[in-house]
Amino acid sequence: MPSTTSRRFLRPAALIGAAVLAASVTACGSSGTPSAATSASASASAGAAAGVLTVRDPWVKAADKGMTAAFATLANDGDTDVTITGVTTDVSRAEIHEMAMTDGKMAMRQKQGGIVVAARSQAALEPGGDHLMLMDLTRPVRPGDQLDITLTFADGRTQTFTAVAKPFTGAQESYAPGHGPSPAS
């Protein structure tokens, strides 16, 4: 009789065990997302060693029309300097800009020669400093929108990152037509 009872409970025990195993595999699958992020981090680190930049905290100032700007911290973990010579996005034409003194006033202008991010250092794209200027917006950029921005480097490589739009009123730059130095009268 013990053998009949054992067989009767063996099948339900096996089914319960299979259900527990399936649940743990599913749980591992959902925790695979951090693994994917870890893999992406590892890839970014490997790419950085080859001269690709790490883009930290990218964002774009929300705007209804006209112009706006993108900002981030660019880290070069590689052994050689990296020069950004161009920028593109699907919502506008774009340029690399800087703030500089012109006739005793701070003025926004296209940055000649691009942005150099020295080896083993970082460069800040920030309001009131170097930034990526998005001009002639083809559509509004609303808070929460995600924009793909592609950097072009002096050696012809490119790198795309995603920046999130957010409202910003600091630094009071004017991202509007006529933002550069005005012609002398």
C-alpha atoms as a PDB file:
ATOM      1  CA  MET A   1       0.000   0.000   0.000  1.00  0.00           C
ATOM      2  CA  PRO A   2       2.796   2.480   0.622  1.00  0.00           C
ATOM      3  CA  SER A   3       3.874   2.154  -3.003  1.00  0.00           C
ATOM      4  CA  THR A   4       0.395   3.073  -4.303  1.00  0.00           C
ATOM      5  CA  THR A   5       0.230   6.131  -2.049  1.00  0.00           C
ATOM      6  CA  SER A   6       3.725   7.238  -3.113  1.00  0.00           C
ATOM      7  CA  ARG A   7       2.789   7.042  -6.792  1.00  0.00           C
ATOM      8  CA  ARG A   8      -0.415   8.961  -6.185  1.00  0.00           C
ATOM      9  CA  PHE A   9       1.509  11.896  -4.646  1.00  0.00           C
ATOM     10  CA  LEU A  10       4.496  11.702  -6.972  1.00  0.00           C
ATOM     11  CA  ARG A  11       2.733  13.190  -9.996  1.00  0.00           C
ATOM     12  CA  PRO A  12       1.244  16.229  -8.147  1.00  0.00           C
ATOM     13  CA  ALA A  13       4.624  16.817  -6.487  1.00  0.00           C
ATOM     14  CA  ALA A  14       6.316  16.757  -9.879  1.00  0.00           C
ATOM     15  CA  LEU A  15       3.750  19.240 -11.265  1.00  0.00           C
ATOM     16  CA  ILE A  16       4.214  21.572  -8.291  1.00  0.00           C
ATOM     17  CA  GLY A  17       7.993  21.325  -8.705  1.00  0.00           C
ATOM     18  CA  ALA A  18       7.678  22.163 -12.415  1.00  0.00           C
ATOM     19  CA  ALA A  19       5.462  25.163 -11.604  1.00  0.00           C
ATOM     20  CA  VAL A  20       7.980  26.439  -9.045  1.00  0.00           C
ATOM     21  CA  LEU A  21      10.803  25.978 -11.555  1.00  0.00           C
ATOM     22  CA  ALA A  22       8.833  27.810 -14.265  1.00  0.00           C
ATOM     23  CA  ALA A  23       8.105  30.684 -11.863  1.00  0.00           C
ATOM     24  CA  SER A  24      11.772  31.009 -10.949  1.00  0.00           C
ATOM     25  CA  VAL A  25      12.826  30.985 -14.617  1.00  0.00           C
ATOM     26  CA  THR A  26      10.238  33.706 -15.324  1.00  0.00           C
ATOM     27  CA  ALA A  27      11.519  35.735 -12.375  1.00  0.00           C
ATOM     28  CA  CYS A  28      15.062  35.346 -13.681  1.00  0.00           C
ATOM     29  CA  GLY A  29      13.847  36.457 -17.097  1.00  0.00           C
ATOM     30  CA  SER A  30      12.417  39.669 -15.695  1.00  0.00           C
ATOM     31  CA  SER A  31      15.614  40.315 -13.801  1.00  0.00           C
ATOM     32  CA  GLY A  32      17.327  39.898 -17.175  1.00  0.00           C
ATOM     33  CA  THR A  33      16.593  43.572 -17.797  1.00  0.00           C
ATOM     34  CA  PRO A  34      19.353  44.683 -15.412  1.00  0.00           C
ATOM     35  CA  SER A  35      21.603  42.141 -17.117  1.00  0.00           C
ATOM     36  CA  ALA A  36      20.809  43.783 -20.437  1.00  0.00           C
ATOM     37  CA  ALA A  37      21.584  47.161 -18.882  1.00  0.00           C
ATOM     38  CA  THR A  38      24.784  45.732 -17.470  1.00  0.00           C
ATOM     39  CA  SER A  39      25.653  44.403 -20.929  1.00  0.00           C
ATOM     40  CA  ALA A  40      24.923  47.813 -22.426  1.00  0.00           C
ATOM     41  CA  SER A  41      27.156  49.398 -19.776  1.00  0.00           C
ATOM     42  CA  ALA A  42      29.879  46.908 -20.541  1.00  0.00           C
ATOM     43  CA  SER A  43      29.498  47.659 -24.255  1.00  0.00           C
ATOM     44  CA  ALA A  44      29.632  51.382 -23.583  1.00  0.00           C
ATOM     45  CA  SER A  45      32.776  50.896 -21.524  1.00  0.00           C
ATOM     46  CA  ALA A  46      34.336  48.757 -24.237  1.00  0.00           C
ATOM     47  CA  GLY A  47      33.361  51.386 -26.807  1.00  0.00           C
ATOM     48  CA  ALA A  48      34.778  54.147 -24.644  1.00  0.00           C
ATOM     49  CA  ALA A  49      38.145  52.401 -24.680  1.00  0.00           C
ATOM     50  CA  ALA A  50      37.970  52.599 -28.485  1.00  0.00           C
ATOM     51  CA  GLY A  51      37.307  56.355 -28.367  1.00  0.00           C
ATOM     52  CA  VAL A  52      33.496  56.429 -28.211  1.00  0.00           C
ATOM     53  CA  LEU A  53      32.067  58.906 -25.712  1.00  0.00           C
ATOM     54  CA  THR A  54      29.837  58.078 -22.780  1.00  0.00           C
ATOM     55  CA  VAL A  55      26.865  60.480 -22.785  1.00  0.00           C
ATOM     56  CA  ARG A  56      25.516  61.224 -19.312  1.00  0.00           C
ATOM     57  CA  ASP A  57      22.268  63.000 -18.379  1.00  0.00           C
ATOM     58  CA  PRO A  58      21.290  64.112 -21.907  1.00  0.00           C
ATOM     59  CA  TRP A  59      18.347  66.486 -22.146  1.00  0.00           C
ATOM     60  CA  VAL A  60      16.750  69.038 -24.468  1.00  0.00           C
ATOM     61  CA  LYS A  61      15.008  72.257 -23.517  1.00  0.00           C
ATOM     62  CA  ALA A  62      11.321  71.930 -24.443  1.00  0.00           C
ATOM     63  CA  ALA A  63      10.205  74.431 -27.096  1.00  0.00           C
ATOM     64  CA  ASP A  64       7.076  74.993 -29.192  1.00  0.00           C
ATOM     65  CA  LYS A  65       8.882  76.338 -32.275  1.00  0.00           C
ATOM     66  CA  GLY A  66      12.001  78.065 -33.508  1.00  0.00           C
ATOM     67  CA  MET A  67      15.132  76.962 -31.679  1.00  0.00           C
ATOM     68  CA  THR A  68      16.179  75.030 -28.644  1.00  0.00           C
ATOM     69  CA  ALA A  69      19.316  73.313 -27.365  1.00  0.00           C
ATOM     70  CA  ALA A  70      20.533  69.930 -26.141  1.00  0.00           C
ATOM     71  CA  PHE A  71      22.826  69.382 -23.183  1.00  0.00           C
ATOM     72  CA  ALA A  72      24.760  66.499 -21.588  1.00  0.00           C
ATOM     73  CA  THR A  73      28.053  65.537 -20.026  1.00  0.00           C
ATOM     74  CA  LEU A  74      30.375  63.808 -22.494  1.00  0.00           C
ATOM     75  CA  ALA A  75      32.985  61.487 -21.013  1.00  0.00           C
ATOM     76  CA  ASN A  76      35.967  60.181 -22.944  1.00  0.00           C
ATOM     77  CA  ASP A  77      37.371  57.121 -21.172  1.00  0.00           C
ATOM     78  CA  GLY A  78      39.691  56.405 -24.110  1.00  0.00           C
ATOM     79  CA  ASP A  79      43.384  57.122 -24.526  1.00  0.00           C
ATOM     80  CA  THR A  80      43.011  59.612 -27.393  1.00  0.00           C
ATOM     81  CA  ASP A  81      41.214  62.927 -27.741  1.00  0.00           C
ATOM     82  CA  VAL A  82      37.854  62.874 -29.538  1.00  0.00           C
ATOM     83  CA  THR A  83      36.579  65.840 -31.583  1.00  0.00           C
ATOM     84  CA  ILE A  84      32.861  66.293 -32.265  1.00  0.00           C
ATOM     85  CA  THR A  85      32.506  68.119 -35.582  1.00  0.00           C
ATOM     86  CA  GLY A  86      28.804  67.789 -36.312  1.00  0.00           C
ATOM     87  CA  VAL A  87      25.369  67.004 -34.942  1.00  0.00           C
ATOM     88  CA  THR A  88      22.091  65.918 -36.521  1.00  0.00           C
ATOM     89  CA  THR A  89      18.567  65.226 -35.310  1.00  0.00           C
ATOM     90  CA  ASP A  90      15.284  64.425 -37.008  1.00  0.00           C
ATOM     91  CA  VAL A  91      13.442  67.462 -35.564  1.00  0.00           C
ATOM     92  CA  SER A  92      15.704  70.224 -36.863  1.00  0.00           C
ATOM     93  CA  ARG A  93      18.937  71.256 -38.414  1.00  0.00           C
ATOM     94  CA  ALA A  94      21.619  71.376 -35.737  1.00  0.00           C
ATOM     95  CA  GLU A  95      25.014  72.927 -34.978  1.00  0.00           C
ATOM     96  CA  ILE A  96      27.584  72.923 -32.211  1.00  0.00           C
ATOM     97  CA  HIS A  97      27.422  76.285 -30.417  1.00  0.00           C
ATOM     98  CA  GLU A  98      29.283  78.162 -27.707  1.00  0.00           C
ATOM     99  CA  MET A  99      28.783  81.281 -25.653  1.00  0.00           C
ATOM    100  CA  ALA A 100      31.593  83.795 -26.145  1.00  0.00           C
ATOM    101  CA  MET A 101      32.350  87.460 -25.528  1.00  0.00           C
ATOM    102  CA  THR A 102      31.694  89.636 -28.571  1.00  0.00           C
ATOM    103  CA  ASP A 103      31.997  93.423 -28.269  1.00  0.00           C
ATOM    104  CA  GLY A 104      31.844  93.139 -24.482  1.00  0.00           C
ATOM    105  CA  LYS A 105      28.669  91.029 -24.512  1.00  0.00           C
ATOM    106  CA  MET A 106      28.043  87.314 -24.230  1.00  0.00           C
ATOM    107  CA  ALA A 107      26.838  86.015 -27.572  1.00  0.00           C
ATOM    108  CA  MET A 108      25.903  82.612 -28.895  1.00  0.00           C
ATOM    109  CA  ARG A 109      27.726  81.455 -32.016  1.00  0.00           C
ATOM    110  CA  GLN A 110      28.716  78.368 -33.938  1.00  0.00           C
ATOM    111  CA  LYS A 111      31.801  76.787 -32.369  1.00  0.00           C
ATOM    112  CA  GLN A 112      34.589  76.616 -34.923  1.00  0.00           C
ATOM    113  CA  GLY A 113      36.573  73.373 -34.851  1.00  0.00           C
ATOM    114  CA  GLY A 114      33.909  71.519 -32.868  1.00  0.00           C
ATOM    115  CA  ILE A 115      34.213  70.262 -29.323  1.00  0.00           C
ATOM    116  CA  VAL A 116      37.332  68.406 -28.233  1.00  0.00           C
ATOM    117  CA  VAL A 117      36.858  65.939 -25.397  1.00  0.00           C
ATOM    118  CA  ALA A 118      40.361  65.166 -24.154  1.00  0.00           C
ATOM    119  CA  ALA A 119      41.402  61.603 -23.380  1.00  0.00           C
ATOM    120  CA  ARG A 120      40.391  60.449 -19.893  1.00  0.00           C
ATOM    121  CA  SER A 121      38.306  63.576 -19.272  1.00  0.00           C
ATOM    122  CA  GLN A 122      34.870  65.009 -19.872  1.00  0.00           C
ATOM    123  CA  ALA A 123      33.215  68.027 -21.443  1.00  0.00           C
ATOM    124  CA  ALA A 124      29.974  69.647 -20.357  1.00  0.00           C
ATOM    125  CA  LEU A 125      27.278  70.750 -22.764  1.00  0.00           C
ATOM    126  CA  GLU A 126      25.331  73.169 -20.592  1.00  0.00           C
ATOM    127  CA  PRO A 127      23.157  76.279 -20.649  1.00  0.00           C
ATOM    128  CA  GLY A 128      25.408  79.339 -20.897  1.00  0.00           C
ATOM    129  CA  GLY A 129      28.277  77.279 -22.354  1.00  0.00           C
ATOM    130  CA  ASP A 130      28.911  74.831 -25.170  1.00  0.00           C
ATOM    131  CA  HIS A 131      25.697  73.160 -26.368  1.00  0.00           C
ATOM    132  CA  LEU A 132      24.025  71.504 -29.335  1.00  0.00           C
ATOM    133  CA  MET A 133      21.813  74.070 -31.064  1.00  0.00           C
ATOM    134  CA  LEU A 134      18.602  72.746 -32.656  1.00  0.00           C
ATOM    135  CA  MET A 135      17.363  75.310 -35.174  1.00  0.00           C
ATOM    136  CA  ASP A 136      14.207  75.614 -37.273  1.00  0.00           C
ATOM    137  CA  LEU A 137      12.252  72.977 -35.359  1.00  0.00           C
ATOM    138  CA  THR A 138       9.939  70.980 -37.630  1.00  0.00           C
ATOM    139  CA  ARG A 139       7.638  70.177 -34.717  1.00  0.00           C
ATOM    140  CA  PRO A 140       7.219  71.190 -31.073  1.00  0.00           C
ATOM    141  CA  VAL A 141       9.502  69.526 -28.550  1.00  0.00           C
ATOM    142  CA  ARG A 142       7.278  68.868 -25.526  1.00  0.00           C
ATOM    143  CA  PRO A 143       8.393  67.904 -22.010  1.00  0.00           C
ATOM    144  CA  GLY A 144       8.885  64.133 -21.946  1.00  0.00           C
ATOM    145  CA  ASP A 145       9.603  63.825 -25.690  1.00  0.00           C
ATOM    146  CA  GLN A 146      12.635  61.705 -26.519  1.00  0.00           C
ATOM    147  CA  LEU A 147      14.901  62.937 -29.306  1.00  0.00           C
ATOM    148  CA  ASP A 148      17.612  60.938 -31.039  1.00  0.00           C
ATOM    149  CA  ILE A 149      20.719  63.049 -31.546  1.00  0.00           C
ATOM    150  CA  THR A 150      23.667  61.890 -33.629  1.00  0.00           C
ATOM    151  CA  LEU A 151      27.168  63.214 -33.089  1.00  0.00           C
ATOM    152  CA  THR A 152      29.716  63.087 -35.919  1.00  0.00           C
ATOM    153  CA  PHE A 153      33.388  62.873 -34.999  1.00  0.00           C
ATOM    154  CA  ALA A 154      36.426  64.221 -36.874  1.00  0.00           C
ATOM    155  CA  ASP A 155      37.411  60.683 -37.912  1.00  0.00           C
ATOM    156  CA  GLY A 156      33.994  60.081 -39.543  1.00  0.00           C
ATOM    157  CA  ARG A 157      32.514  57.876 -36.815  1.00  0.00           C
ATOM    158  CA  THR A 158      29.054  58.669 -35.483  1.00  0.00           C
ATOM    159  CA  GLN A 159      27.262  58.024 -32.203  1.00  0.00           C
ATOM    160  CA  THR A 160      23.555  58.395 -31.487  1.00  0.00           C
ATOM    161  CA  PHE A 161      22.040  59.009 -28.069  1.00  0.00           C
ATOM    162  CA  THR A 162      18.547  59.818 -26.815  1.00  0.00           C
ATOM    163  CA  ALA A 163      17.797  63.010 -24.901  1.00  0.00           C
ATOM    164  CA  VAL A 164      14.589  63.692 -22.974  1.00  0.00           C
ATOM    165  CA  ALA A 165      12.920  67.104 -23.315  1.00  0.00           C
ATOM    166  CA  LYS A 166      12.184  69.060 -20.167  1.00  0.00           C
ATOM    167  CA  PRO A 167      11.043  72.561 -19.307  1.00  0.00           C
ATOM    168  CA  PHE A 168      13.892  74.865 -18.336  1.00  0.00           C
ATOM    169  CA  THR A 169      13.933  78.565 -17.553  1.00  0.00           C
ATOM    170  CA  GLY A 170      17.457  78.936 -16.147  1.00  0.00           C
ATOM    171  CA  ALA A 171      20.370  80.812 -17.726  1.00  0.00           C
ATOM    172  CA  GLN A 172      17.838  82.854 -19.777  1.00  0.00           C
ATOM    173  CA  GLU A 173      19.517  82.246 -23.132  1.00  0.00           C
ATOM    174  CA  SER A 174      17.519  83.315 -26.135  1.00  0.00           C
ATOM    175  CA  TYR A 175      17.249  80.408 -28.566  1.00  0.00           C
ATOM    176  CA  ALA A 176      15.639  82.516 -31.240  1.00  0.00           C
ATOM    177  CA  PRO A 177      16.592  83.838 -34.667  1.00  0.00           C
ATOM    178  CA  GLY A 178      19.278  86.500 -34.474  1.00  0.00           C
ATOM    179  CA  HIS A 179      20.929  84.780 -31.501  1.00  0.00           C
ATOM    180  CA  GLY A 180      24.445  85.346 -32.825  1.00  0.00           C
ATOM    181  CA  PRO A 181      26.456  88.543 -32.858  1.00  0.00           C
ATOM    182  CA  SER A 182      24.706  91.317 -34.716  1.00  0.00           C
ATOM    183  CA  PRO A 183      26.439  93.024 -37.614  1.00  0.00           C
ATOM    184  CA  ALA A 184      28.258  96.244 -36.747  1.00  0.00           C
ATOM    185  CA  SER A 185      26.332  99.387 -37.666  1.00  0.00           C
END
